[in-house]
Amino acid sequence: SIPQKSNRKGIGEVDVALYFGGITIQSGDYLYAD
């Protein structure tokens, strides 16, 4: 957490493959967290 807000410039990509935490995550996958 951090108190600083982000700046909104309308930048970002939706429905793209992501890679972090050693795994690839794609829209349409199923995520489970606890």
PDB file of all heavy atoms in Angstrom:
ATOM      1  N   SER A   1       0.856  -1.185   0.000  1.00  0.00           N
ATOM      2  CA  SER A   1       0.000   0.000   0.000  1.00  0.00           C
ATOM      3  C   SER A   1       0.893   1.236   0.000  1.00  0.00           C
ATOM      4  O   SER A   1       2.023   1.216   0.482  1.00  0.00           O
ATOM      5  CB  SER A   1      -0.920   0.014   1.222  1.00  0.00           C
ATOM      6  OG  SER A   1      -0.159   0.111   2.408  1.00  0.00           O
ATOM      7  N   ILE A   2       0.333   2.300  -0.582  1.00  0.00           N
ATOM      8  CA  ILE A   2       1.016   3.590  -0.632  1.00  0.00           C
ATOM      9  C   ILE A   2      -0.076   4.659  -0.758  1.00  0.00           C
ATOM     10  O   ILE A   2      -1.075   4.436  -1.450  1.00  0.00           O
ATOM     11  CB  ILE A   2       2.013   3.663  -1.810  1.00  0.00           C
ATOM     12  CG1 ILE A   2       2.863   4.930  -1.737  1.00  0.00           C
ATOM     13  CG2 ILE A   2       1.306   3.527  -3.150  1.00  0.00           C
ATOM     14  CD1 ILE A   2       4.033   4.944  -2.716  1.00  0.00           C
ATOM     15  N   PRO A   3       0.056   5.785  -0.106  1.00  0.00           N
ATOM     16  CA  PRO A   3      -0.998   6.799  -0.191  1.00  0.00           C
ATOM     17  C   PRO A   3      -1.051   7.556  -1.521  1.00  0.00           C
ATOM     18  O   PRO A   3      -2.075   8.155  -1.853  1.00  0.00           O
ATOM     19  CB  PRO A   3      -0.687   7.750   0.964  1.00  0.00           C
ATOM     20  CG  PRO A   3       0.732   7.515   1.324  1.00  0.00           C
ATOM     21  CD  PRO A   3       1.057   6.116   0.917  1.00  0.00           C
ATOM     22  N   GLN A   4       0.006   7.508  -2.305  1.00  0.00           N
ATOM     23  CA  GLN A   4       0.069   8.269  -3.558  1.00  0.00           C
ATOM     24  C   GLN A   4      -0.854   7.664  -4.620  1.00  0.00           C
ATOM     25  O   GLN A   4      -0.777   6.485  -4.912  1.00  0.00           O
ATOM     26  CB  GLN A   4       1.502   8.273  -4.087  1.00  0.00           C
ATOM     27  CG  GLN A   4       1.695   9.051  -5.372  1.00  0.00           C
ATOM     28  CD  GLN A   4       1.423  10.532  -5.205  1.00  0.00           C
ATOM     29  OE1 GLN A   4       1.894  11.162  -4.270  1.00  0.00           O
ATOM     30  NE2 GLN A   4       0.636  11.083  -6.099  1.00  0.00           N
ATOM     31  N   LYS A   5      -1.721   8.500  -5.211  1.00  0.00           N
ATOM     32  CA  LYS A   5      -2.584   8.019  -6.304  1.00  0.00           C
ATOM     33  C   LYS A   5      -1.806   8.044  -7.613  1.00  0.00           C
ATOM     34  O   LYS A   5      -0.782   8.710  -7.739  1.00  0.00           O
ATOM     35  CB  LYS A   5      -3.846   8.863  -6.410  1.00  0.00           C
ATOM     36  CG  LYS A   5      -3.629  10.277  -6.894  1.00  0.00           C
ATOM     37  CD  LYS A   5      -4.955  11.009  -6.983  1.00  0.00           C
ATOM     38  CE  LYS A   5      -4.741  12.422  -7.508  1.00  0.00           C
ATOM     39  NZ  LYS A   5      -6.010  13.123  -7.683  1.00  0.00           N
ATOM     40  N   SER A   6      -2.349   7.310  -8.587  1.00  0.00           N
ATOM     41  CA  SER A   6      -1.710   7.298  -9.912  1.00  0.00           C
ATOM     42  C   SER A   6      -2.216   8.485 -10.727  1.00  0.00           C
ATOM     43  O   SER A   6      -3.213   9.115 -10.385  1.00  0.00           O
ATOM     44  CB  SER A   6      -2.017   5.995 -10.647  1.00  0.00           C
ATOM     45  OG  SER A   6      -3.345   5.995 -11.129  1.00  0.00           O
ATOM     46  N   ASN A   7      -1.543   8.748 -11.816  1.00  0.00           N
ATOM     47  CA  ASN A   7      -2.004   9.756 -12.764  1.00  0.00           C
ATOM     48  C   ASN A   7      -2.800   9.041 -13.840  1.00  0.00           C
ATOM     49  O   ASN A   7      -2.403   7.968 -14.291  1.00  0.00           O
ATOM     50  CB  ASN A   7      -0.818  10.491 -13.405  1.00  0.00           C
ATOM     51  CG  ASN A   7      -0.097  11.350 -12.403  1.00  0.00           C
ATOM     52  OD1 ASN A   7      -0.724  12.067 -11.633  1.00  0.00           O
ATOM     53  ND2 ASN A   7       1.223  11.276 -12.392  1.00  0.00           N
ATOM     54  N   ARG A   8      -3.908   9.619 -14.249  1.00  0.00           N
ATOM     55  CA  ARG A   8      -4.722   9.018 -15.310  1.00  0.00           C
ATOM     56  C   ARG A   8      -4.403   9.699 -16.635  1.00  0.00           C
ATOM     57  O   ARG A   8      -4.636  10.880 -16.808  1.00  0.00           O
ATOM     58  CB  ARG A   8      -6.207   9.148 -14.982  1.00  0.00           C
ATOM     59  CG  ARG A   8      -6.594   8.268 -13.830  1.00  0.00           C
ATOM     60  CD  ARG A   8      -8.082   8.020 -13.781  1.00  0.00           C
ATOM     61  NE  ARG A   8      -8.379   7.358 -12.527  1.00  0.00           N
ATOM     62  CZ  ARG A   8      -9.142   7.859 -11.567  1.00  0.00           C
ATOM     63  NH1 ARG A   8      -9.752   9.006 -11.738  1.00  0.00           N
ATOM     64  NH2 ARG A   8      -9.334   7.191 -10.459  1.00  0.00           N
ATOM     65  N   LYS A   9      -3.871   8.883 -17.553  1.00  0.00           N
ATOM     66  CA  LYS A   9      -3.528   9.367 -18.881  1.00  0.00           C
ATOM     67  C   LYS A   9      -4.225   8.548 -19.962  1.00  0.00           C
ATOM     68  O   LYS A   9      -3.958   8.731 -21.135  1.00  0.00           O
ATOM     69  CB  LYS A   9      -2.019   9.299 -19.086  1.00  0.00           C
ATOM     70  CG  LYS A   9      -1.224  10.118 -18.094  1.00  0.00           C
ATOM     71  CD  LYS A   9       0.264   9.889 -18.289  1.00  0.00           C
ATOM     72  CE  LYS A   9       1.041  10.493 -17.136  1.00  0.00           C
ATOM     73  NZ  LYS A   9       2.400   9.994 -17.072  1.00  0.00           N
ATOM     74  N   GLY A  10      -5.084   7.600 -19.528  1.00  0.00           N
ATOM     75  CA  GLY A  10      -5.782   6.759 -20.495  1.00  0.00           C
ATOM     76  C   GLY A  10      -4.904   5.684 -21.100  1.00  0.00           C
ATOM     77  O   GLY A  10      -5.197   5.166 -22.168  1.00  0.00           O
ATOM     78  N   ILE A  11      -3.823   5.330 -20.401  1.00  0.00           N
ATOM     79  CA  ILE A  11      -2.875   4.349 -20.921  1.00  0.00           C
ATOM     80  C   ILE A  11      -3.113   2.997 -20.251  1.00  0.00           C
ATOM     81  O   ILE A  11      -3.347   2.920 -19.053  1.00  0.00           O
ATOM     82  CB  ILE A  11      -1.428   4.807 -20.672  1.00  0.00           C
ATOM     83  CG1 ILE A  11      -1.177   6.135 -21.382  1.00  0.00           C
ATOM     84  CG2 ILE A  11      -0.428   3.755 -21.120  1.00  0.00           C
ATOM     85  CD1 ILE A  11       0.127   6.804 -21.007  1.00  0.00           C
ATOM     86  N   GLY A  12      -3.039   1.945 -21.035  1.00  0.00           N
ATOM     87  CA  GLY A  12      -3.166   0.588 -20.511  1.00  0.00           C
ATOM     88  C   GLY A  12      -3.737  -0.343 -21.553  1.00  0.00           C
ATOM     89  O   GLY A  12      -4.453   0.097 -22.460  1.00  0.00           O
ATOM     90  N   GLU A  13      -3.406  -1.622 -21.441  1.00  0.00           N
ATOM     91  CA  GLU A  13      -3.871  -2.632 -22.383  1.00  0.00           C
ATOM     92  C   GLU A  13      -4.774  -3.623 -21.667  1.00  0.00           C
ATOM     93  O   GLU A  13      -4.443  -4.097 -20.583  1.00  0.00           O
ATOM     94  CB  GLU A  13      -2.689  -3.388 -22.973  1.00  0.00           C
ATOM     95  CG  GLU A  13      -1.688  -2.523 -23.715  1.00  0.00           C
ATOM     96  CD  GLU A  13      -0.459  -3.323 -24.085  1.00  0.00           C
ATOM     97  OE1 GLU A  13      -0.462  -3.916 -25.186  1.00  0.00           O
ATOM     98  OE2 GLU A  13       0.464  -3.372 -23.260  1.00  0.00           O
ATOM     99  N   VAL A  14      -5.895  -3.956 -22.305  1.00  0.00           N
ATOM    100  CA  VAL A  14      -6.869  -4.887 -21.737  1.00  0.00           C
ATOM    101  C   VAL A  14      -6.820  -6.195 -22.511  1.00  0.00           C
ATOM    102  O   VAL A  14      -6.571  -6.209 -23.718  1.00  0.00           O
ATOM    103  CB  VAL A  14      -8.291  -4.267 -21.799  1.00  0.00           C
ATOM    104  CG1 VAL A  14      -9.337  -5.237 -21.282  1.00  0.00           C
ATOM    105  CG2 VAL A  14      -8.329  -2.961 -21.014  1.00  0.00           C
ATOM    106  N   ASP A  15      -7.078  -7.306 -21.803  1.00  0.00           N
ATOM    107  CA  ASP A  15      -7.129  -8.644 -22.411  1.00  0.00           C
ATOM    108  C   ASP A  15      -5.814  -9.047 -23.070  1.00  0.00           C
ATOM    109  O   ASP A  15      -5.797  -9.632 -24.152  1.00  0.00           O
ATOM    110  CB  ASP A  15      -8.287  -8.754 -23.413  1.00  0.00           C
ATOM    111  CG  ASP A  15      -9.643  -8.687 -22.740  1.00  0.00           C
ATOM    112  OD1 ASP A  15      -9.763  -9.113 -21.570  1.00  0.00           O
ATOM    113  OD2 ASP A  15     -10.595  -8.213 -23.383  1.00  0.00           O
ATOM    114  N   VAL A  16      -4.699  -8.750 -22.409  1.00  0.00           N
ATOM    115  CA  VAL A  16      -3.383  -9.182 -22.883  1.00  0.00           C
ATOM    116  C   VAL A  16      -2.838 -10.224 -21.902  1.00  0.00           C
ATOM    117  O   VAL A  16      -3.210 -10.238 -20.729  1.00  0.00           O
ATOM    118  CB  VAL A  16      -2.392  -8.000 -23.008  1.00  0.00           C
ATOM    119  CG1 VAL A  16      -2.849  -7.019 -24.077  1.00  0.00           C
ATOM    120  CG2 VAL A  16      -2.193  -7.283 -21.677  1.00  0.00           C
ATOM    121  N   ALA A  17      -1.970 -11.092 -22.391  1.00  0.00           N
ATOM    122  CA  ALA A  17      -1.330 -12.078 -21.524  1.00  0.00           C
ATOM    123  C   ALA A  17      -0.385 -11.351 -20.566  1.00  0.00           C
ATOM    124  O   ALA A  17       0.363 -10.463 -20.975  1.00  0.00           O
ATOM    125  CB  ALA A  17      -0.567 -13.097 -22.353  1.00  0.00           C
ATOM    126  N   LEU A  18      -0.457 -11.731 -19.290  1.00  0.00           N
ATOM    127  CA  LEU A  18       0.396 -11.141 -18.264  1.00  0.00           C
ATOM    128  C   LEU A  18       1.357 -12.198 -17.757  1.00  0.00           C
ATOM    129  O   LEU A  18       1.021 -13.382 -17.715  1.00  0.00           O
ATOM    130  CB  LEU A  18      -0.449 -10.641 -17.086  1.00  0.00           C
ATOM    131  CG  LEU A  18      -1.605  -9.702 -17.400  1.00  0.00           C
ATOM    132  CD1 LEU A  18      -2.350  -9.350 -16.112  1.00  0.00           C
ATOM    133  CD2 LEU A  18      -1.109  -8.452 -18.106  1.00  0.00           C
ATOM    134  N   TYR A  19       2.542 -11.774 -17.342  1.00  0.00           N
ATOM    135  CA  TYR A  19       3.500 -12.694 -16.742  1.00  0.00           C
ATOM    136  C   TYR A  19       4.093 -12.043 -15.511  1.00  0.00           C
ATOM    137  O   TYR A  19       4.775 -11.013 -15.597  1.00  0.00           O
ATOM    138  CB  TYR A  19       4.620 -13.060 -17.720  1.00  0.00           C
ATOM    139  CG  TYR A  19       5.591 -14.047 -17.103  1.00  0.00           C
ATOM    140  CD1 TYR A  19       5.302 -15.406 -17.078  1.00  0.00           C
ATOM    141  CD2 TYR A  19       6.764 -13.609 -16.509  1.00  0.00           C
ATOM    142  CE1 TYR A  19       6.163 -16.312 -16.477  1.00  0.00           C
ATOM    143  CE2 TYR A  19       7.641 -14.503 -15.908  1.00  0.00           C
ATOM    144  CZ  TYR A  19       7.332 -15.852 -15.896  1.00  0.00           C
ATOM    145  OH  TYR A  19       8.179 -16.752 -15.283  1.00  0.00           O
ATOM    146  N   PHE A  20       3.779 -12.610 -14.353  1.00  0.00           N
ATOM    147  CA  PHE A  20       4.415 -12.212 -13.096  1.00  0.00           C
ATOM    148  C   PHE A  20       4.217 -13.343 -12.103  1.00  0.00           C
ATOM    149  O   PHE A  20       3.386 -14.221 -12.299  1.00  0.00           O
ATOM    150  CB  PHE A  20       3.896 -10.863 -12.562  1.00  0.00           C
ATOM    151  CG  PHE A  20       2.426 -10.804 -12.278  1.00  0.00           C
ATOM    152  CD1 PHE A  20       1.907 -11.268 -11.071  1.00  0.00           C
ATOM    153  CD2 PHE A  20       1.546 -10.251 -13.195  1.00  0.00           C
ATOM    154  CE1 PHE A  20       0.548 -11.198 -10.799  1.00  0.00           C
ATOM    155  CE2 PHE A  20       0.192 -10.171 -12.934  1.00  0.00           C
ATOM    156  CZ  PHE A  20      -0.309 -10.643 -11.732  1.00  0.00           C
ATOM    157  N   GLY A  21       5.008 -13.345 -11.065  1.00  0.00           N
ATOM    158  CA  GLY A  21       4.904 -14.405 -10.068  1.00  0.00           C
ATOM    159  C   GLY A  21       5.204 -15.788 -10.625  1.00  0.00           C
ATOM    160  O   GLY A  21       4.760 -16.799 -10.094  1.00  0.00           O
ATOM    161  N   GLY A  22       5.956 -15.831 -11.741  1.00  0.00           N
ATOM    162  CA  GLY A  22       6.350 -17.100 -12.317  1.00  0.00           C
ATOM    163  C   GLY A  22       5.297 -17.792 -13.167  1.00  0.00           C
ATOM    164  O   GLY A  22       5.486 -18.931 -13.576  1.00  0.00           O
ATOM    165  N   ILE A  23       4.174 -17.117 -13.420  1.00  0.00           N
ATOM    166  CA  ILE A  23       3.108 -17.728 -14.225  1.00  0.00           C
ATOM    167  C   ILE A  23       2.588 -16.752 -15.279  1.00  0.00           C
ATOM    168  O   ILE A  23       2.766 -15.544 -15.165  1.00  0.00           O
ATOM    169  CB  ILE A  23       1.925 -18.232 -13.361  1.00  0.00           C
ATOM    170  CG1 ILE A  23       1.183 -17.076 -12.689  1.00  0.00           C
ATOM    171  CG2 ILE A  23       2.405 -19.245 -12.325  1.00  0.00           C
ATOM    172  CD1 ILE A  23      -0.094 -17.499 -11.975  1.00  0.00           C
ATOM    173  N   THR A  24       1.937 -17.322 -16.286  1.00  0.00           N
ATOM    174  CA  THR A  24       1.260 -16.530 -17.311  1.00  0.00           C
ATOM    175  C   THR A  24      -0.230 -16.552 -17.012  1.00  0.00           C
ATOM    176  O   THR A  24      -0.798 -17.613 -16.728  1.00  0.00           O
ATOM    177  CB  THR A  24       1.516 -17.119 -18.713  1.00  0.00           C
ATOM    178  OG1 THR A  24       2.927 -17.076 -18.963  1.00  0.00           O
ATOM    179  CG2 THR A  24       0.797 -16.322 -19.789  1.00  0.00           C
ATOM    180  N   ILE A  25      -0.855 -15.387 -17.052  1.00  0.00           N
ATOM    181  CA  ILE A  25      -2.289 -15.253 -16.778  1.00  0.00           C
ATOM    182  C   ILE A  25      -2.925 -14.569 -17.975  1.00  0.00           C
ATOM    183  O   ILE A  25      -2.444 -13.539 -18.444  1.00  0.00           O
ATOM    184  CB  ILE A  25      -2.532 -14.408 -15.505  1.00  0.00           C
ATOM    185  CG1 ILE A  25      -1.759 -14.986 -14.318  1.00  0.00           C
ATOM    186  CG2 ILE A  25      -4.028 -14.324 -15.197  1.00  0.00           C
ATOM    187  CD1 ILE A  25      -1.720 -14.086 -13.102  1.00  0.00           C
ATOM    188  N   GLN A  26      -4.045 -15.150 -18.452  1.00  0.00           N
ATOM    189  CA  GLN A  26      -4.744 -14.596 -19.605  1.00  0.00           C
ATOM    190  C   GLN A  26      -6.214 -14.381 -19.284  1.00  0.00           C
ATOM    191  O   GLN A  26      -6.784 -15.090 -18.449  1.00  0.00           O
ATOM    192  CB  GLN A  26      -4.623 -15.550 -20.793  1.00  0.00           C
ATOM    193  CG  GLN A  26      -3.198 -15.777 -21.230  1.00  0.00           C
ATOM    194  CD  GLN A  26      -3.112 -16.693 -22.426  1.00  0.00           C
ATOM    195  OE1 GLN A  26      -3.911 -16.605 -23.339  1.00  0.00           O
ATOM    196  NE2 GLN A  26      -2.128 -17.576 -22.421  1.00  0.00           N
ATOM    197  N   SER A  27      -6.827 -13.425 -19.960  1.00  0.00           N
ATOM    198  CA  SER A  27      -8.275 -13.255 -19.834  1.00  0.00           C
ATOM    199  C   SER A  27      -8.918 -14.587 -20.213  1.00  0.00           C
ATOM    200  O   SER A  27      -8.494 -15.241 -21.167  1.00  0.00           O
ATOM    201  CB  SER A  27      -8.780 -12.147 -20.765  1.00  0.00           C
ATOM    202  OG  SER A  27      -8.397 -10.885 -20.271  1.00  0.00           O
ATOM    203  N   GLY A  28      -9.934 -14.972 -19.452  1.00  0.00           N
ATOM    204  CA  GLY A  28     -10.618 -16.239 -19.681  1.00  0.00           C
ATOM    205  C   GLY A  28     -10.142 -17.351 -18.768  1.00  0.00           C
ATOM    206  O   GLY A  28     -10.837 -18.347 -18.581  1.00  0.00           O
ATOM    207  N   ASP A  29      -8.938 -17.208 -18.172  1.00  0.00           N
ATOM    208  CA  ASP A  29      -8.481 -18.174 -17.176  1.00  0.00           C
ATOM    209  C   ASP A  29      -9.363 -18.050 -15.941  1.00  0.00           C
ATOM    210  O   ASP A  29     -10.172 -17.109 -15.827  1.00  0.00           O
ATOM    211  CB  ASP A  29      -7.030 -17.891 -16.769  1.00  0.00           C
ATOM    212  CG  ASP A  29      -6.001 -18.232 -17.834  1.00  0.00           C
ATOM    213  OD1 ASP A  29      -6.358 -18.908 -18.820  1.00  0.00           O
ATOM    214  OD2 ASP A  29      -4.836 -17.813 -17.675  1.00  0.00           O
ATOM    215  N   TYR A  30      -9.183 -18.955 -14.991  1.00  0.00           N
ATOM    216  CA  TYR A  30      -9.903 -18.898 -13.723  1.00  0.00           C
ATOM    217  C   TYR A  30      -8.890 -18.765 -12.598  1.00  0.00           C
ATOM    218  O   TYR A  30      -7.943 -19.549 -12.511  1.00  0.00           O
ATOM    219  CB  TYR A  30     -10.772 -20.140 -13.517  1.00  0.00           C
ATOM    220  CG  TYR A  30     -11.955 -20.137 -14.441  1.00  0.00           C
ATOM    221  CD1 TYR A  30     -11.870 -20.644 -15.723  1.00  0.00           C
ATOM    222  CD2 TYR A  30     -13.157 -19.564 -14.039  1.00  0.00           C
ATOM    223  CE1 TYR A  30     -12.947 -20.603 -16.591  1.00  0.00           C
ATOM    224  CE2 TYR A  30     -14.239 -19.518 -14.898  1.00  0.00           C
ATOM    225  CZ  TYR A  30     -14.126 -20.041 -16.174  1.00  0.00           C
ATOM    226  OH  TYR A  30     -15.203 -19.985 -17.025  1.00  0.00           O
ATOM    227  N   LEU A  31      -9.074 -17.755 -11.769  1.00  0.00           N
ATOM    228  CA  LEU A  31      -8.175 -17.482 -10.655  1.00  0.00           C
ATOM    229  C   LEU A  31      -8.893 -17.784  -9.353  1.00  0.00           C
ATOM    230  O   LEU A  31     -10.079 -17.474  -9.196  1.00  0.00           O
ATOM    231  CB  LEU A  31      -7.740 -16.014 -10.685  1.00  0.00           C
ATOM    232  CG  LEU A  31      -6.771 -15.574  -9.595  1.00  0.00           C
ATOM    233  CD1 LEU A  31      -5.758 -14.588 -10.169  1.00  0.00           C
ATOM    234  CD2 LEU A  31      -7.483 -14.957  -8.404  1.00  0.00           C
ATOM    235  N   TYR A  32      -8.152 -18.385  -8.408  1.00  0.00           N
ATOM    236  CA  TYR A  32      -8.675 -18.696  -7.086  1.00  0.00           C
ATOM    237  C   TYR A  32      -7.653 -18.204  -6.066  1.00  0.00           C
ATOM    238  O   TYR A  32      -6.464 -18.506  -6.185  1.00  0.00           O
ATOM    239  CB  TYR A  32      -8.883 -20.207  -6.936  1.00  0.00           C
ATOM    240  CG  TYR A  32      -9.798 -20.760  -7.999  1.00  0.00           C
ATOM    241  CD1 TYR A  32      -9.298 -21.274  -9.187  1.00  0.00           C
ATOM    242  CD2 TYR A  32     -11.179 -20.711  -7.825  1.00  0.00           C
ATOM    243  CE1 TYR A  32     -10.144 -21.747 -10.174  1.00  0.00           C
ATOM    244  CE2 TYR A  32     -12.036 -21.182  -8.815  1.00  0.00           C
ATOM    245  CZ  TYR A  32     -11.509 -21.701  -9.989  1.00  0.00           C
ATOM    246  OH  TYR A  32     -12.357 -22.160 -10.963  1.00  0.00           O
ATOM    247  N   ALA A  33      -8.100 -17.433  -5.087  1.00  0.00           N
ATOM    248  CA  ALA A  33      -7.194 -16.856  -4.099  1.00  0.00           C
ATOM    249  C   ALA A  33      -7.763 -17.014  -2.698  1.00  0.00           C
ATOM    250  O   ALA A  33      -8.976 -16.924  -2.489  1.00  0.00           O
ATOM    251  CB  ALA A  33      -6.973 -15.368  -4.399  1.00  0.00           C
ATOM    252  N   ASP A  34      -6.875 -17.270  -1.770  1.00  0.00           N
ATOM    253  CA  ASP A  34      -7.234 -17.278  -0.353  1.00  0.00           C
ATOM    254  C   ASP A  34      -5.967 -16.929   0.425  1.00  0.00           C
ATOM    255  O   ASP A  34      -4.977 -16.487  -0.162  1.00  0.00           O
ATOM    256  CB  ASP A  34      -7.860 -18.618   0.080  1.00  0.00           C
ATOM    257  CG  ASP A  34      -6.942 -19.822  -0.065  1.00  0.00           C
ATOM    258  OD1 ASP A  34      -5.719 -19.644  -0.289  1.00  0.00           O
ATOM    259  OD2 ASP A  34      -7.445 -20.951   0.058  1.00  0.00           O
TER     260      ASP A  34
END
